Amino acid sequence: MEMPFYHSKRKDIEINMTVSLHDGELQFSGYDFGEFVAKSSVGQGSDEYEYYLKLDEENTKKAFEALGVADKSDKEKLQFIVDTFKKDQGFSGFEEYCEKHDIEAKFFSWP
């Protein structure tokens, strides 16, 4: 199951982020592109930047328990994450939450 987490489009950048739950693992996925990305250090000369924050099954359970939504449906869990963290620094806010609660989340980006 996947749902939109954040979308923004300006003349120089478009940002698309989703949050998903597959096989018991929670993942945030992001894809930014445009002139702003090409000029920034994250793009490393490319106008595309992809990034992921992923929790394995054990840490996904731990996160849902800490958030108090372990007994909710997958859709309700994802909606809770969107509603709670979208307004508070996006998935960076979720990553900080994980650090504070000793929940392991792995970050990957390309390029």
C-alpha atoms as a PDB file:
ATOM      1  CA  MET A   1       0.000   0.000   0.000  1.00  0.00           C
ATOM      2  CA  GLU A   2       1.280   3.455  -0.914  1.00  0.00           C
ATOM      3  CA  MET A   3      -0.005   6.995  -0.500  1.00  0.00           C
ATOM      4  CA  PRO A   4       1.194  10.488  -1.392  1.00  0.00           C
ATOM      5  CA  PHE A   5       3.163  12.186   1.366  1.00  0.00           C
ATOM      6  CA  TYR A   6       4.177  15.508  -0.189  1.00  0.00           C
ATOM      7  CA  HIS A   7       4.129  17.257  -3.559  1.00  0.00           C
ATOM      8  CA  SER A   8       5.405  20.675  -4.545  1.00  0.00           C
ATOM      9  CA  LYS A   9       6.028  22.216  -7.933  1.00  0.00           C
ATOM     10  CA  ARG A  10       7.819  25.469  -8.644  1.00  0.00           C
ATOM     11  CA  LYS A  11       9.448  26.805 -11.765  1.00  0.00           C
ATOM     12  CA  ASP A  12      12.868  25.456 -10.719  1.00  0.00           C
ATOM     13  CA  ILE A  13      11.977  22.231  -8.847  1.00  0.00           C
ATOM     14  CA  GLU A  14       9.334  19.544  -8.478  1.00  0.00           C
ATOM     15  CA  ILE A  15       9.235  17.381  -5.359  1.00  0.00           C
ATOM     16  CA  ASN A  16       7.274  14.131  -5.123  1.00  0.00           C
ATOM     17  CA  MET A  17       7.236  12.039  -1.967  1.00  0.00           C
ATOM     18  CA  THR A  18       5.292   8.926  -1.023  1.00  0.00           C
ATOM     19  CA  VAL A  19       5.044   6.711   2.032  1.00  0.00           C
ATOM     20  CA  SER A  20       4.413   3.001   1.650  1.00  0.00           C
ATOM     21  CA  LEU A  21       3.998  -0.193   3.596  1.00  0.00           C
ATOM     22  CA  HIS A  22       4.946  -3.427   1.825  1.00  0.00           C
ATOM     23  CA  ASP A  23       5.644  -6.796   3.424  1.00  0.00           C
ATOM     24  CA  GLY A  24       5.624  -5.158   6.861  1.00  0.00           C
ATOM     25  CA  GLU A  25       8.292  -2.589   5.947  1.00  0.00           C
ATOM     26  CA  LEU A  26       7.709   1.163   6.003  1.00  0.00           C
ATOM     27  CA  GLN A  27       9.389   3.311   3.363  1.00  0.00           C
ATOM     28  CA  PHE A  28       9.438   6.963   2.418  1.00  0.00           C
ATOM     29  CA  SER A  29      10.437   7.605  -1.200  1.00  0.00           C
ATOM     30  CA  GLY A  30      11.293  10.944  -2.721  1.00  0.00           C
ATOM     31  CA  TYR A  31      12.121  12.194  -6.174  1.00  0.00           C
ATOM     32  CA  ASP A  32      13.172  15.800  -6.773  1.00  0.00           C
ATOM     33  CA  PHE A  33      14.042  17.202 -10.172  1.00  0.00           C
ATOM     34  CA  GLY A  34      14.674  20.480 -11.890  1.00  0.00           C
ATOM     35  CA  GLU A  35      17.152  23.329 -12.173  1.00  0.00           C
ATOM     36  CA  PHE A  36      17.346  23.836  -8.399  1.00  0.00           C
ATOM     37  CA  VAL A  37      18.509  20.232  -7.926  1.00  0.00           C
ATOM     38  CA  ALA A  38      21.130  20.560 -10.679  1.00  0.00           C
ATOM     39  CA  LYS A  39      22.589  23.647  -8.986  1.00  0.00           C
ATOM     40  CA  SER A  40      22.563  22.171  -5.479  1.00  0.00           C
ATOM     41  CA  SER A  41      25.094  19.826  -3.935  1.00  0.00           C
ATOM     42  CA  VAL A  42      22.546  16.988  -3.634  1.00  0.00           C
ATOM     43  CA  GLY A  43      22.149  16.725  -7.396  1.00  0.00           C
ATOM     44  CA  GLN A  44      25.899  16.521  -7.969  1.00  0.00           C
ATOM     45  CA  GLY A  45      25.420  18.044 -11.415  1.00  0.00           C
ATOM     46  CA  SER A  46      22.300  16.019 -12.214  1.00  0.00           C
ATOM     47  CA  ASP A  47      18.847  17.560 -12.276  1.00  0.00           C
ATOM     48  CA  GLU A  48      17.440  14.464 -10.517  1.00  0.00           C
ATOM     49  CA  TYR A  49      17.709  13.376  -6.895  1.00  0.00           C
ATOM     50  CA  GLU A  50      16.127  10.226  -5.444  1.00  0.00           C
ATOM     51  CA  TYR A  51      16.057   9.350  -1.773  1.00  0.00           C
ATOM     52  CA  TYR A  52      14.580   6.720   0.515  1.00  0.00           C
ATOM     53  CA  LEU A  53      14.116   6.195   4.220  1.00  0.00           C
ATOM     54  CA  LYS A  54      13.347   2.568   5.015  1.00  0.00           C
ATOM     55  CA  LEU A  55      12.536   0.626   8.161  1.00  0.00           C
ATOM     56  CA  ASP A  56      12.771  -3.147   8.272  1.00  0.00           C
ATOM     57  CA  GLU A  57       9.829  -5.147   9.582  1.00  0.00           C
ATOM     58  CA  GLU A  58      11.014  -5.162  13.212  1.00  0.00           C
ATOM     59  CA  ASN A  59      11.609  -1.405  13.306  1.00  0.00           C
ATOM     60  CA  THR A  60       8.361  -0.724  11.455  1.00  0.00           C
ATOM     61  CA  LYS A  61       6.489  -2.566  14.223  1.00  0.00           C
ATOM     62  CA  LYS A  62       8.455  -0.640  16.821  1.00  0.00           C
ATOM     63  CA  ALA A  63       7.576   2.678  15.147  1.00  0.00           C
ATOM     64  CA  PHE A  64       3.865   1.882  14.933  1.00  0.00           C
ATOM     65  CA  GLU A  65       3.833   0.808  18.581  1.00  0.00           C
ATOM     66  CA  ALA A  66       5.602   4.036  19.637  1.00  0.00           C
ATOM     67  CA  LEU A  67       3.107   6.062  17.595  1.00  0.00           C
ATOM     68  CA  GLY A  68       0.168   4.220  19.166  1.00  0.00           C
ATOM     69  CA  VAL A  69      -1.223   2.910  15.875  1.00  0.00           C
ATOM     70  CA  ALA A  70      -0.053  -0.725  15.916  1.00  0.00           C
ATOM     71  CA  ASP A  71      -3.646  -1.980  16.016  1.00  0.00           C
ATOM     72  CA  LYS A  72      -4.826   0.155  13.060  1.00  0.00           C
ATOM     73  CA  SER A  73      -5.213  -0.926   9.417  1.00  0.00           C
ATOM     74  CA  ASP A  74      -2.313  -0.316   7.021  1.00  0.00           C
ATOM     75  CA  LYS A  75      -4.223   2.550   5.433  1.00  0.00           C
ATOM     76  CA  GLU A  76      -4.873   4.139   8.835  1.00  0.00           C
ATOM     77  CA  LYS A  77      -1.211   3.760   9.813  1.00  0.00           C
ATOM     78  CA  LEU A  78       0.005   5.476   6.654  1.00  0.00           C
ATOM     79  CA  GLN A  79      -2.605   8.216   6.955  1.00  0.00           C
ATOM     80  CA  PHE A  80      -1.522   8.838  10.551  1.00  0.00           C
ATOM     81  CA  ILE A  81       2.097   9.244   9.400  1.00  0.00           C
ATOM     82  CA  VAL A  82       1.071  11.651   6.639  1.00  0.00           C
ATOM     83  CA  ASP A  83      -1.111  13.693   8.994  1.00  0.00           C
ATOM     84  CA  THR A  84       1.456  13.753  11.798  1.00  0.00           C
ATOM     85  CA  PHE A  85       4.753  14.293  10.008  1.00  0.00           C
ATOM     86  CA  LYS A  86       3.859  16.114   6.789  1.00  0.00           C
ATOM     87  CA  LYS A  87       3.229  19.313   8.707  1.00  0.00           C
ATOM     88  CA  ASP A  88       6.379  18.902  10.831  1.00  0.00           C
ATOM     89  CA  GLN A  89       9.445  18.829   8.539  1.00  0.00           C
ATOM     90  CA  GLY A  90       8.310  16.020   6.269  1.00  0.00           C
ATOM     91  CA  PHE A  91      10.139  12.767   6.436  1.00  0.00           C
ATOM     92  CA  SER A  92      13.061  14.467   8.182  1.00  0.00           C
ATOM     93  CA  GLY A  93      10.694  14.907  11.115  1.00  0.00           C
ATOM     94  CA  PHE A  94       9.922  11.187  11.011  1.00  0.00           C
ATOM     95  CA  GLU A  95      13.633  10.368  10.850  1.00  0.00           C
ATOM     96  CA  GLU A  96      14.236  12.517  13.956  1.00  0.00           C
ATOM     97  CA  TYR A  97      11.339  10.763  15.697  1.00  0.00           C
ATOM     98  CA  CYS A  98      12.976   7.420  14.954  1.00  0.00           C
ATOM     99  CA  GLU A  99      16.321   8.573  16.351  1.00  0.00           C
ATOM    100  CA  LYS A 100      14.681   9.781  19.576  1.00  0.00           C
ATOM    101  CA  HIS A 101      12.846   6.472  20.027  1.00  0.00           C
ATOM    102  CA  ASP A 102      15.760   4.159  19.134  1.00  0.00           C
ATOM    103  CA  ILE A 103      14.119   3.015  15.913  1.00  0.00           C
ATOM    104  CA  GLU A 104      16.543   2.141  13.125  1.00  0.00           C
ATOM    105  CA  ALA A 105      15.789   3.817   9.794  1.00  0.00           C
ATOM    106  CA  LYS A 106      18.156   3.541   6.847  1.00  0.00           C
ATOM    107  CA  PHE A 107      18.600   6.446   4.447  1.00  0.00           C
ATOM    108  CA  PHE A 108      19.721   6.058   0.835  1.00  0.00           C
ATOM    109  CA  SER A 109      20.064   8.656  -1.894  1.00  0.00           C
ATOM    110  CA  TRP A 110      21.134   8.858  -5.516  1.00  0.00           C
ATOM    111  CA  PRO A 111      23.194  10.368  -7.051  1.00  0.00           C
END
